[in-house]
Amino acid sequence: IGNIDPRIFNFLLPFPFVAATVRLLINSETAIFFIVTIMIL
């Protein structure tokens, strides 16, 4: 494309969907643990 910082694509990662998946299928408490886990990564 040119004239664009590649770091802006870091805003594209749809991480909320995986956390919401844990919330909908299991529960909020487990989803929060999952968020903490992925944030460590």
PDB file of all heavy atoms in Angstrom:
ATOM      1  N   ILE A   1       0.844  -1.204   0.000  1.00  0.00           N
ATOM      2  CA  ILE A   1       0.000   0.000   0.000  1.00  0.00           C
ATOM      3  C   ILE A   1       0.874   1.246   0.000  1.00  0.00           C
ATOM      4  O   ILE A   1       0.613   2.215  -0.703  1.00  0.00           O
ATOM      5  CB  ILE A   1      -0.944   0.002   1.221  1.00  0.00           C
ATOM      6  CG1 ILE A   1      -1.934  -1.148   1.113  1.00  0.00           C
ATOM      7  CG2 ILE A   1      -1.694   1.319   1.333  1.00  0.00           C
ATOM      8  CD1 ILE A   1      -2.889  -1.261   2.289  1.00  0.00           C
ATOM      9  N   GLY A   2       1.935   1.195   0.804  1.00  0.00           N
ATOM     10  CA  GLY A   2       2.831   2.331   0.927  1.00  0.00           C
ATOM     11  C   GLY A   2       2.343   3.362   1.929  1.00  0.00           C
ATOM     12  O   GLY A   2       1.133   3.531   2.143  1.00  0.00           O
ATOM     13  N   ASN A   3       3.274   4.018   2.592  1.00  0.00           N
ATOM     14  CA  ASN A   3       2.977   5.096   3.529  1.00  0.00           C
ATOM     15  C   ASN A   3       2.030   4.658   4.643  1.00  0.00           C
ATOM     16  O   ASN A   3       1.095   5.359   5.002  1.00  0.00           O
ATOM     17  CB  ASN A   3       2.378   6.306   2.794  1.00  0.00           C
ATOM     18  CG  ASN A   3       2.336   7.548   3.683  1.00  0.00           C
ATOM     19  OD1 ASN A   3       3.205   7.729   4.551  1.00  0.00           O
ATOM     20  ND2 ASN A   3       1.352   8.404   3.469  1.00  0.00           N
ATOM     21  N   ILE A   4       2.255   3.456   5.172  1.00  0.00           N
ATOM     22  CA  ILE A   4       1.420   2.957   6.259  1.00  0.00           C
ATOM     23  C   ILE A   4       2.285   2.165   7.226  1.00  0.00           C
ATOM     24  O   ILE A   4       3.146   1.389   6.806  1.00  0.00           O
ATOM     25  CB  ILE A   4       0.258   2.090   5.705  1.00  0.00           C
ATOM     26  CG1 ILE A   4      -0.676   1.659   6.856  1.00  0.00           C
ATOM     27  CG2 ILE A   4       0.772   0.872   4.975  1.00  0.00           C
ATOM     28  CD1 ILE A   4      -1.936   0.988   6.369  1.00  0.00           C
ATOM     29  N   ASP A   5       2.102   2.409   8.515  1.00  0.00           N
ATOM     30  CA  ASP A   5       2.854   1.704   9.543  1.00  0.00           C
ATOM     31  C   ASP A   5       2.237   0.320   9.740  1.00  0.00           C
ATOM     32  O   ASP A   5       1.034   0.208  10.013  1.00  0.00           O
ATOM     33  CB  ASP A   5       2.793   2.498  10.856  1.00  0.00           C
ATOM     34  CG  ASP A   5       3.772   1.978  11.898  1.00  0.00           C
ATOM     35  OD1 ASP A   5       3.861   0.745  12.053  1.00  0.00           O
ATOM     36  OD2 ASP A   5       4.436   2.792  12.562  1.00  0.00           O
ATOM     37  N   PRO A   6       3.005  -0.760   9.611  1.00  0.00           N
ATOM     38  CA  PRO A   6       2.433  -2.106   9.738  1.00  0.00           C
ATOM     39  C   PRO A   6       1.833  -2.378  11.108  1.00  0.00           C
ATOM     40  O   PRO A   6       1.019  -3.300  11.262  1.00  0.00           O
ATOM     41  CB  PRO A   6       3.621  -3.030   9.454  1.00  0.00           C
ATOM     42  CG  PRO A   6       4.837  -2.200   9.675  1.00  0.00           C
ATOM     43  CD  PRO A   6       4.443  -0.804   9.281  1.00  0.00           C
ATOM     44  N   ARG A   7       2.196  -1.592  12.128  1.00  0.00           N
ATOM     45  CA  ARG A   7       1.673  -1.847  13.474  1.00  0.00           C
ATOM     46  C   ARG A   7       0.182  -1.576  13.600  1.00  0.00           C
ATOM     47  O   ARG A   7      -0.459  -2.074  14.529  1.00  0.00           O
ATOM     48  CB  ARG A   7       2.433  -0.997  14.499  1.00  0.00           C
ATOM     49  CG  ARG A   7       3.863  -1.461  14.762  1.00  0.00           C
ATOM     50  CD  ARG A   7       4.571  -0.535  15.731  1.00  0.00           C
ATOM     51  NE  ARG A   7       4.730   0.797  15.155  1.00  0.00           N
ATOM     52  CZ  ARG A   7       5.156   1.865  15.844  1.00  0.00           C
ATOM     53  NH1 ARG A   7       5.460   1.720  17.131  1.00  0.00           N
ATOM     54  NH2 ARG A   7       5.291   3.025  15.262  1.00  0.00           N
ATOM     55  N   ILE A   8      -0.380  -0.792  12.653  1.00  0.00           N
ATOM     56  CA  ILE A   8      -1.814  -0.521  12.782  1.00  0.00           C
ATOM     57  C   ILE A   8      -2.639  -1.793  12.567  1.00  0.00           C
ATOM     58  O   ILE A   8      -3.789  -1.872  13.001  1.00  0.00           O
ATOM     59  CB  ILE A   8      -2.292   0.586  11.818  1.00  0.00           C
ATOM     60  CG1 ILE A   8      -2.306   0.087  10.384  1.00  0.00           C
ATOM     61  CG2 ILE A   8      -1.482   1.848  11.980  1.00  0.00           C
ATOM     62  CD1 ILE A   8      -3.071   1.014   9.455  1.00  0.00           C
ATOM     63  N   PHE A   9      -2.028  -2.801  11.931  1.00  0.00           N
ATOM     64  CA  PHE A   9      -2.754  -4.054  11.735  1.00  0.00           C
ATOM     65  C   PHE A   9      -2.888  -4.846  13.038  1.00  0.00           C
ATOM     66  O   PHE A   9      -3.646  -5.813  13.100  1.00  0.00           O
ATOM     67  CB  PHE A   9      -2.083  -4.905  10.655  1.00  0.00           C
ATOM     68  CG  PHE A   9      -2.217  -4.323   9.278  1.00  0.00           C
ATOM     69  CD1 PHE A   9      -1.166  -3.648   8.691  1.00  0.00           C
ATOM     70  CD2 PHE A   9      -3.414  -4.411   8.586  1.00  0.00           C
ATOM     71  CE1 PHE A   9      -1.285  -3.092   7.428  1.00  0.00           C
ATOM     72  CE2 PHE A   9      -3.552  -3.865   7.322  1.00  0.00           C
ATOM     73  CZ  PHE A   9      -2.487  -3.189   6.738  1.00  0.00           C
ATOM     74  N   ASN A  10      -2.134  -4.418  14.081  1.00  0.00           N
ATOM     75  CA  ASN A  10      -2.323  -5.042  15.392  1.00  0.00           C
ATOM     76  C   ASN A  10      -3.705  -4.746  15.959  1.00  0.00           C
ATOM     77  O   ASN A  10      -4.209  -5.473  16.817  1.00  0.00           O
ATOM     78  CB  ASN A  10      -1.260  -4.551  16.375  1.00  0.00           C
ATOM     79  CG  ASN A  10       0.128  -5.074  16.029  1.00  0.00           C
ATOM     80  OD1 ASN A  10       0.271  -6.155  15.460  1.00  0.00           O
ATOM     81  ND2 ASN A  10       1.151  -4.310  16.353  1.00  0.00           N
ATOM     82  N   PHE A  11      -4.328  -3.640  15.474  1.00  0.00           N
ATOM     83  CA  PHE A  11      -5.678  -3.312  15.916  1.00  0.00           C
ATOM     84  C   PHE A  11      -6.726  -4.232  15.288  1.00  0.00           C
ATOM     85  O   PHE A  11      -7.890  -4.205  15.679  1.00  0.00           O
ATOM     86  CB  PHE A  11      -6.022  -1.862  15.564  1.00  0.00           C
ATOM     87  CG  PHE A  11      -5.190  -0.841  16.283  1.00  0.00           C
ATOM     88  CD1 PHE A  11      -4.235  -0.098  15.607  1.00  0.00           C
ATOM     89  CD2 PHE A  11      -5.352  -0.627  17.648  1.00  0.00           C
ATOM     90  CE1 PHE A  11      -3.472   0.845  16.264  1.00  0.00           C
ATOM     91  CE2 PHE A  11      -4.588   0.326  18.317  1.00  0.00           C
ATOM     92  CZ  PHE A  11      -3.643   1.054  17.628  1.00  0.00           C
ATOM     93  N   LEU A  12      -6.324  -5.033  14.321  1.00  0.00           N
ATOM     94  CA  LEU A  12      -7.265  -5.879  13.594  1.00  0.00           C
ATOM     95  C   LEU A  12      -7.573  -7.193  14.309  1.00  0.00           C
ATOM     96  O   LEU A  12      -8.609  -7.810  14.050  1.00  0.00           O
ATOM     97  CB  LEU A  12      -6.705  -6.180  12.197  1.00  0.00           C
ATOM     98  CG  LEU A  12      -7.603  -6.950  11.225  1.00  0.00           C
ATOM     99  CD1 LEU A  12      -8.871  -6.158  10.933  1.00  0.00           C
ATOM    100  CD2 LEU A  12      -6.853  -7.261   9.936  1.00  0.00           C
ATOM    101  N   LEU A  13      -6.705  -7.622  15.216  1.00  0.00           N
ATOM    102  CA  LEU A  13      -6.861  -8.931  15.843  1.00  0.00           C
ATOM    103  C   LEU A  13      -8.218  -9.032  16.549  1.00  0.00           C
ATOM    104  O   LEU A  13      -8.496  -8.289  17.490  1.00  0.00           O
ATOM    105  CB  LEU A  13      -5.740  -9.162  16.860  1.00  0.00           C
ATOM    106  CG  LEU A  13      -5.767 -10.508  17.597  1.00  0.00           C
ATOM    107  CD1 LEU A  13      -5.577 -11.664  16.617  1.00  0.00           C
ATOM    108  CD2 LEU A  13      -4.680 -10.544  18.674  1.00  0.00           C
ATOM    109  N   PRO A  14      -9.091  -9.970  16.136  1.00  0.00           N
ATOM    110  CA  PRO A  14     -10.442 -10.073  16.727  1.00  0.00           C
ATOM    111  C   PRO A  14     -10.461 -10.919  18.000  1.00  0.00           C
ATOM    112  O   PRO A  14     -11.250 -11.866  18.120  1.00  0.00           O
ATOM    113  CB  PRO A  14     -11.249 -10.723  15.601  1.00  0.00           C
ATOM    114  CG  PRO A  14     -10.259 -11.615  14.915  1.00  0.00           C
ATOM    115  CD  PRO A  14      -8.915 -10.906  15.013  1.00  0.00           C
ATOM    116  N   PHE A  15      -9.596 -10.582  18.955  1.00  0.00           N
ATOM    117  CA  PHE A  15      -9.529 -11.378  20.176  1.00  0.00           C
ATOM    118  C   PHE A  15     -10.837 -11.396  20.966  1.00  0.00           C
ATOM    119  O   PHE A  15     -11.186 -12.431  21.571  1.00  0.00           O
ATOM    120  CB  PHE A  15      -8.394 -10.877  21.074  1.00  0.00           C
ATOM    121  CG  PHE A  15      -8.371 -11.511  22.425  1.00  0.00           C
ATOM    122  CD1 PHE A  15      -8.114 -12.865  22.572  1.00  0.00           C
ATOM    123  CD2 PHE A  15      -8.644 -10.764  23.564  1.00  0.00           C
ATOM    124  CE1 PHE A  15      -8.119 -13.456  23.821  1.00  0.00           C
ATOM    125  CE2 PHE A  15      -8.649 -11.349  24.818  1.00  0.00           C
ATOM    126  CZ  PHE A  15      -8.380 -12.698  24.942  1.00  0.00           C
ATOM    127  N   PRO A  16     -11.614 -10.294  20.970  1.00  0.00           N
ATOM    128  CA  PRO A  16     -12.857 -10.335  21.756  1.00  0.00           C
ATOM    129  C   PRO A  16     -13.781 -11.494  21.403  1.00  0.00           C
ATOM    130  O   PRO A  16     -14.506 -11.997  22.271  1.00  0.00           O
ATOM    131  CB  PRO A  16     -13.516  -8.990  21.429  1.00  0.00           C
ATOM    132  CG  PRO A  16     -12.366  -8.086  21.139  1.00  0.00           C
ATOM    133  CD  PRO A  16     -11.361  -8.950  20.430  1.00  0.00           C
ATOM    134  N   PHE A  17     -13.750 -11.959  20.161  1.00  0.00           N
ATOM    135  CA  PHE A  17     -14.663 -13.033  19.795  1.00  0.00           C
ATOM    136  C   PHE A  17     -14.337 -14.343  20.512  1.00  0.00           C
ATOM    137  O   PHE A  17     -15.240 -15.107  20.869  1.00  0.00           O
ATOM    138  CB  PHE A  17     -14.686 -13.223  18.267  1.00  0.00           C
ATOM    139  CG  PHE A  17     -14.046 -14.474  17.759  1.00  0.00           C
ATOM    140  CD1 PHE A  17     -14.735 -15.675  17.718  1.00  0.00           C
ATOM    141  CD2 PHE A  17     -12.720 -14.465  17.325  1.00  0.00           C
ATOM    142  CE1 PHE A  17     -14.137 -16.837  17.247  1.00  0.00           C
ATOM    143  CE2 PHE A  17     -12.127 -15.611  16.851  1.00  0.00           C
ATOM    144  CZ  PHE A  17     -12.828 -16.799  16.811  1.00  0.00           C
ATOM    145  N   VAL A  18     -13.041 -14.627  20.752  1.00  0.00           N
ATOM    146  CA  VAL A  18     -12.708 -15.873  21.445  1.00  0.00           C
ATOM    147  C   VAL A  18     -13.074 -15.784  22.924  1.00  0.00           C
ATOM    148  O   VAL A  18     -13.539 -16.761  23.522  1.00  0.00           O
ATOM    149  CB  VAL A  18     -11.214 -16.258  21.267  1.00  0.00           C
ATOM    150  CG1 VAL A  18     -10.930 -16.668  19.846  1.00  0.00           C
ATOM    151  CG2 VAL A  18     -10.287 -15.148  21.681  1.00  0.00           C
ATOM    152  N   ALA A  19     -12.897 -14.590  23.511  1.00  0.00           N
ATOM    153  CA  ALA A  19     -13.307 -14.413  24.911  1.00  0.00           C
ATOM    154  C   ALA A  19     -14.821 -14.527  25.044  1.00  0.00           C
ATOM    155  O   ALA A  19     -15.331 -15.151  25.984  1.00  0.00           O
ATOM    156  CB  ALA A  19     -12.827 -13.055  25.419  1.00  0.00           C
ATOM    157  N   ALA A  20     -15.555 -13.940  24.087  1.00  0.00           N
ATOM    158  CA  ALA A  20     -17.017 -14.019  24.118  1.00  0.00           C
ATOM    159  C   ALA A  20     -17.495 -15.450  23.901  1.00  0.00           C
ATOM    160  O   ALA A  20     -18.523 -15.859  24.451  1.00  0.00           O
ATOM    161  CB  ALA A  20     -17.611 -13.093  23.057  1.00  0.00           C
ATOM    162  N   THR A  21     -16.763 -16.220  23.120  1.00  0.00           N
ATOM    163  CA  THR A  21     -17.116 -17.624  22.909  1.00  0.00           C
ATOM    164  C   THR A  21     -17.075 -18.389  24.223  1.00  0.00           C
ATOM    165  O   THR A  21     -17.985 -19.166  24.535  1.00  0.00           O
ATOM    166  CB  THR A  21     -16.157 -18.274  21.892  1.00  0.00           C
ATOM    167  OG1 THR A  21     -16.256 -17.591  20.642  1.00  0.00           O
ATOM    168  CG2 THR A  21     -16.493 -19.749  21.693  1.00  0.00           C
ATOM    169  N   VAL A  22     -16.016 -18.157  25.010  1.00  0.00           N
ATOM    170  CA  VAL A  22     -15.911 -18.808  26.321  1.00  0.00           C
ATOM    171  C   VAL A  22     -17.055 -18.352  27.220  1.00  0.00           C
ATOM    172  O   VAL A  22     -17.655 -19.161  27.947  1.00  0.00           O
ATOM    173  CB  VAL A  22     -14.549 -18.514  26.974  1.00  0.00           C
ATOM    174  CG1 VAL A  22     -14.465 -19.131  28.363  1.00  0.00           C
ATOM    175  CG2 VAL A  22     -13.416 -19.041  26.098  1.00  0.00           C
ATOM    176  N   ARG A  23     -17.395 -17.058  27.147  1.00  0.00           N
ATOM    177  CA  ARG A  23     -18.504 -16.546  27.975  1.00  0.00           C
ATOM    178  C   ARG A  23     -19.830 -17.194  27.606  1.00  0.00           C
ATOM    179  O   ARG A  23     -20.605 -17.613  28.478  1.00  0.00           O
ATOM    180  CB  ARG A  23     -18.618 -15.017  27.793  1.00  0.00           C
ATOM    181  CG  ARG A  23     -19.913 -14.407  28.321  1.00  0.00           C
ATOM    182  CD  ARG A  23     -20.046 -14.601  29.811  1.00  0.00           C
ATOM    183  NE  ARG A  23     -21.355 -14.227  30.299  1.00  0.00           N
ATOM    184  CZ  ARG A  23     -22.401 -15.028  30.346  1.00  0.00           C
ATOM    185  NH1 ARG A  23     -22.321 -16.280  29.916  1.00  0.00           N
ATOM    186  NH2 ARG A  23     -23.549 -14.614  30.849  1.00  0.00           N
ATOM    187  N   LEU A  24     -20.128 -17.293  26.324  1.00  0.00           N
ATOM    188  CA  LEU A  24     -21.418 -17.826  25.891  1.00  0.00           C
ATOM    189  C   LEU A  24     -21.535 -19.324  26.135  1.00  0.00           C
ATOM    190  O   LEU A  24     -22.608 -19.828  26.458  1.00  0.00           O
ATOM    191  CB  LEU A  24     -21.650 -17.522  24.410  1.00  0.00           C
ATOM    192  CG  LEU A  24     -21.902 -16.061  24.048  1.00  0.00           C
ATOM    193  CD1 LEU A  24     -22.033 -15.899  22.539  1.00  0.00           C
ATOM    194  CD2 LEU A  24     -23.146 -15.532  24.737  1.00  0.00           C
ATOM    195  N   LEU A  25     -20.426 -20.050  25.969  1.00  0.00           N
ATOM    196  CA  LEU A  25     -20.472 -21.497  26.080  1.00  0.00           C
ATOM    197  C   LEU A  25     -20.223 -22.006  27.500  1.00  0.00           C
ATOM    198  O   LEU A  25     -20.697 -23.087  27.860  1.00  0.00           O
ATOM    199  CB  LEU A  25     -19.460 -22.139  25.130  1.00  0.00           C
ATOM    200  CG  LEU A  25     -19.687 -21.887  23.643  1.00  0.00           C
ATOM    201  CD1 LEU A  25     -18.626 -22.596  22.810  1.00  0.00           C
ATOM    202  CD2 LEU A  25     -21.071 -22.344  23.206  1.00  0.00           C
ATOM    203  N   ILE A  26     -19.468 -21.244  28.291  1.00  0.00           N
ATOM    204  CA  ILE A  26     -19.147 -21.722  29.649  1.00  0.00           C
ATOM    205  C   ILE A  26     -19.726 -20.723  30.667  1.00  0.00           C
ATOM    206  O   ILE A  26     -20.868 -20.863  31.071  1.00  0.00           O
ATOM    207  CB  ILE A  26     -17.617 -21.913  29.825  1.00  0.00           C
ATOM    208  CG1 ILE A  26     -17.049 -22.791  28.695  1.00  0.00           C
ATOM    209  CG2 ILE A  26     -17.317 -22.551  31.180  1.00  0.00           C
ATOM    210  CD1 ILE A  26     -15.559 -22.962  28.706  1.00  0.00           C
ATOM    211  N   ASN A  27     -18.964 -19.712  31.068  1.00  0.00           N
ATOM    212  CA  ASN A  27     -19.475 -18.687  31.967  1.00  0.00           C
ATOM    213  C   ASN A  27     -18.495 -17.523  32.036  1.00  0.00           C
ATOM    214  O   ASN A  27     -17.377 -17.598  31.496  1.00  0.00           O
ATOM    215  CB  ASN A  27     -19.758 -19.241  33.371  1.00  0.00           C
ATOM    216  CG  ASN A  27     -18.537 -19.908  33.997  1.00  0.00           C
ATOM    217  OD1 ASN A  27     -17.430 -19.378  33.964  1.00  0.00           O
ATOM    218  ND2 ASN A  27     -18.747 -21.088  34.580  1.00  0.00           N
ATOM    219  N   SER A  28     -18.901 -16.449  32.712  1.00  0.00           N
ATOM    220  CA  SER A  28     -18.084 -15.229  32.768  1.00  0.00           C
ATOM    221  C   SER A  28     -16.785 -15.447  33.534  1.00  0.00           C
ATOM    222  O   SER A  28     -15.735 -14.923  33.146  1.00  0.00           O
ATOM    223  CB  SER A  28     -18.884 -14.103  33.436  1.00  0.00           C
ATOM    224  OG  SER A  28     -20.019 -13.772  32.675  1.00  0.00           O
ATOM    225  N   GLU A  29     -16.857 -16.193  34.643  1.00  0.00           N
ATOM    226  CA  GLU A  29     -15.666 -16.395  35.461  1.00  0.00           C
ATOM    227  C   GLU A  29     -14.569 -17.115  34.673  1.00  0.00           C
ATOM    228  O   GLU A  29     -13.391 -16.732  34.724  1.00  0.00           O
ATOM    229  CB  GLU A  29     -16.021 -17.201  36.709  1.00  0.00           C
ATOM    230  CG  GLU A  29     -16.921 -16.472  37.703  1.00  0.00           C
ATOM    231  CD  GLU A  29     -18.374 -16.420  37.309  1.00  0.00           C
ATOM    232  OE1 GLU A  29     -18.752 -17.031  36.291  1.00  0.00           O
ATOM    233  OE2 GLU A  29     -19.150 -15.744  38.008  1.00  0.00           O
ATOM    234  N   THR A  30     -14.951 -18.138  33.936  1.00  0.00           N
ATOM    235  CA  THR A  30     -13.970 -18.871  33.133  1.00  0.00           C
ATOM    236  C   THR A  30     -13.462 -18.004  31.995  1.00  0.00           C
ATOM    237  O   THR A  30     -12.285 -18.079  31.616  1.00  0.00           O
ATOM    238  CB  THR A  30     -14.600 -20.167  32.583  1.00  0.00           C
ATOM    239  OG1 THR A  30     -15.182 -20.896  33.667  1.00  0.00           O
ATOM    240  CG2 THR A  30     -13.558 -21.037  31.905  1.00  0.00           C
ATOM    241  N   ALA A  31     -14.338 -17.147  31.447  1.00  0.00           N
ATOM    242  CA  ALA A  31     -13.924 -16.241  30.373  1.00  0.00           C
ATOM    243  C   ALA A  31     -12.872 -15.247  30.863  1.00  0.00           C
ATOM    244  O   ALA A  31     -11.924 -14.927  30.130  1.00  0.00           O
ATOM    245  CB  ALA A  31     -15.130 -15.496  29.812  1.00  0.00           C
ATOM    246  N   ILE A  32     -13.019 -14.778  32.090  1.00  0.00           N
ATOM    247  CA  ILE A  32     -12.028 -13.844  32.632  1.00  0.00           C
ATOM    248  C   ILE A  32     -10.679 -14.539  32.810  1.00  0.00           C
ATOM    249  O   ILE A  32      -9.622 -13.965  32.512  1.00  0.00           O
ATOM    250  CB  ILE A  32     -12.539 -13.253  33.969  1.00  0.00           C
ATOM    251  CG1 ILE A  32     -13.725 -12.323  33.693  1.00  0.00           C
ATOM    252  CG2 ILE A  32     -11.422 -12.489  34.690  1.00  0.00           C
ATOM    253  CD1 ILE A  32     -14.423 -11.825  34.935  1.00  0.00           C
ATOM    254  N   PHE A  33     -10.700 -15.780  33.292  1.00  0.00           N
ATOM    255  CA  PHE A  33      -9.459 -16.549  33.377  1.00  0.00           C
ATOM    256  C   PHE A  33      -8.828 -16.689  31.995  1.00  0.00           C
ATOM    257  O   PHE A  33      -7.612 -16.556  31.840  1.00  0.00           O
ATOM    258  CB  PHE A  33      -9.735 -17.932  33.969  1.00  0.00           C
ATOM    259  CG  PHE A  33      -8.577 -18.895  33.846  1.00  0.00           C
ATOM    260  CD1 PHE A  33      -7.512 -18.822  34.731  1.00  0.00           C
ATOM    261  CD2 PHE A  33      -8.539 -19.840  32.833  1.00  0.00           C
ATOM    262  CE1 PHE A  33      -6.425 -19.694  34.612  1.00  0.00           C
ATOM    263  CE2 PHE A  33      -7.477 -20.717  32.706  1.00  0.00           C
ATOM    264  CZ  PHE A  33      -6.412 -20.648  33.596  1.00  0.00           C
ATOM    265  N   PHE A  34      -9.639 -16.929  30.991  1.00  0.00           N
ATOM    266  CA  PHE A  34      -9.134 -17.085  29.627  1.00  0.00           C
ATOM    267  C   PHE A  34      -8.486 -15.784  29.140  1.00  0.00           C
ATOM    268  O   PHE A  34      -7.422 -15.810  28.514  1.00  0.00           O
ATOM    269  CB  PHE A  34     -10.283 -17.492  28.699  1.00  0.00           C
ATOM    270  CG  PHE A  34      -9.869 -17.700  27.285  1.00  0.00           C
ATOM    271  CD1 PHE A  34      -9.203 -18.857  26.902  1.00  0.00           C
ATOM    272  CD2 PHE A  34     -10.146 -16.753  26.317  1.00  0.00           C
ATOM    273  CE1 PHE A  34      -8.810 -19.057  25.586  1.00  0.00           C
ATOM    274  CE2 PHE A  34      -9.767 -16.935  25.001  1.00  0.00           C
ATOM    275  CZ  PHE A  34      -9.097 -18.093  24.636  1.00  0.00           C
ATOM    276  N   ILE A  35      -9.121 -14.659  29.436  1.00  0.00           N
ATOM    277  CA  ILE A  35      -8.557 -13.366  29.034  1.00  0.00           C
ATOM    278  C   ILE A  35      -7.200 -13.153  29.684  1.00  0.00           C
ATOM    279  O   ILE A  35      -6.231 -12.736  29.030  1.00  0.00           O
ATOM    280  CB  ILE A  35      -9.525 -12.216  29.401  1.00  0.00           C
ATOM    281  CG1 ILE A  35     -10.775 -12.288  28.531  1.00  0.00           C
ATOM    282  CG2 ILE A  35      -8.845 -10.860  29.238  1.00  0.00           C
ATOM    283  CD1 ILE A  35     -11.862 -11.317  28.940  1.00  0.00           C
ATOM    284  N   VAL A  36      -7.111 -13.430  30.973  1.00  0.00           N
ATOM    285  CA  VAL A  36      -5.830 -13.282  31.682  1.00  0.00           C
ATOM    286  C   VAL A  36      -4.762 -14.164  31.046  1.00  0.00           C
ATOM    287  O   VAL A  36      -3.616 -13.747  30.838  1.00  0.00           O
ATOM    288  CB  VAL A  36      -6.004 -13.635  33.179  1.00  0.00           C
ATOM    289  CG1 VAL A  36      -4.651 -13.687  33.882  1.00  0.00           C
ATOM    290  CG2 VAL A  36      -6.921 -12.627  33.852  1.00  0.00           C
ATOM    291  N   THR A  37      -5.150 -15.393  30.708  1.00  0.00           N
ATOM    292  CA  THR A  37      -4.212 -16.337  30.098  1.00  0.00           C
ATOM    293  C   THR A  37      -3.675 -15.816  28.777  1.00  0.00           C
ATOM    294  O   THR A  37      -2.464 -15.814  28.521  1.00  0.00           O
ATOM    295  CB  THR A  37      -4.913 -17.694  29.864  1.00  0.00           C
ATOM    296  OG1 THR A  37      -5.348 -18.213  31.121  1.00  0.00           O
ATOM    297  CG2 THR A  37      -3.964 -18.681  29.219  1.00  0.00           C
ATOM    298  N   ILE A  38      -4.573 -15.368  27.918  1.00  0.00           N
ATOM    299  CA  ILE A  38      -4.150 -14.894  26.598  1.00  0.00           C
ATOM    300  C   ILE A  38      -3.345 -13.610  26.705  1.00  0.00           C
ATOM    301  O   ILE A  38      -2.403 -13.384  25.930  1.00  0.00           O
ATOM    302  CB  ILE A  38      -5.371 -14.679  25.683  1.00  0.00           C
ATOM    303  CG1 ILE A  38      -6.133 -15.992  25.528  1.00  0.00           C
ATOM    304  CG2 ILE A  38      -4.955 -14.169  24.315  1.00  0.00           C
ATOM    305  CD1 ILE A  38      -5.313 -17.121  24.922  1.00  0.00           C
ATOM    306  N   MET A  39      -3.665 -12.763  27.686  1.00  0.00           N
ATOM    307  CA  MET A  39      -2.896 -11.535  27.848  1.00  0.00           C
ATOM    308  C   MET A  39      -1.441 -11.833  28.227  1.00  0.00           C
ATOM    309  O   MET A  39      -0.536 -11.071  27.888  1.00  0.00           O
ATOM    310  CB  MET A  39      -3.542 -10.634  28.905  1.00  0.00           C
ATOM    311  CG  MET A  39      -4.795  -9.942  28.418  1.00  0.00           C
ATOM    312  SD  MET A  39      -4.585  -9.107  26.839  1.00  0.00           S
ATOM    313  CE  MET A  39      -5.466 -10.216  25.752  1.00  0.00           C
ATOM    314  N   ILE A  40      -1.230 -12.928  28.937  1.00  0.00           N
ATOM    315  CA  ILE A  40       0.147 -13.339  29.252  1.00  0.00           C
ATOM    316  C   ILE A  40       0.892 -13.681  27.962  1.00  0.00           C
ATOM    317  O   ILE A  40       2.067 -13.326  27.781  1.00  0.00           O
ATOM    318  CB  ILE A  40       0.142 -14.535  30.217  1.00  0.00           C
ATOM    319  CG1 ILE A  40      -0.431 -14.112  31.571  1.00  0.00           C
ATOM    320  CG2 ILE A  40       1.551 -15.091  30.403  1.00  0.00           C
ATOM    321  CD1 ILE A  40      -0.702 -15.273  32.494  1.00  0.00           C
ATOM    322  N   LEU A  41       0.183 -14.355  27.054  1.00  0.00           N
ATOM    323  CA  LEU A  41       0.788 -14.659  25.748  1.00  0.00           C
ATOM    324  C   LEU A  41       1.081 -13.375  24.981  1.00  0.00           C
ATOM    325  O   LEU A  41       2.160 -13.221  24.388  1.00  0.00           O
ATOM    326  CB  LEU A  41      -0.151 -15.549  24.934  1.00  0.00           C
ATOM    327  CG  LEU A  41      -0.452 -16.935  25.500  1.00  0.00           C
ATOM    328  CD1 LEU A  41      -1.480 -17.645  24.635  1.00  0.00           C
ATOM    329  CD2 LEU A  41       0.822 -17.770  25.575  1.00  0.00           C
TER     330      LEU A  41
END
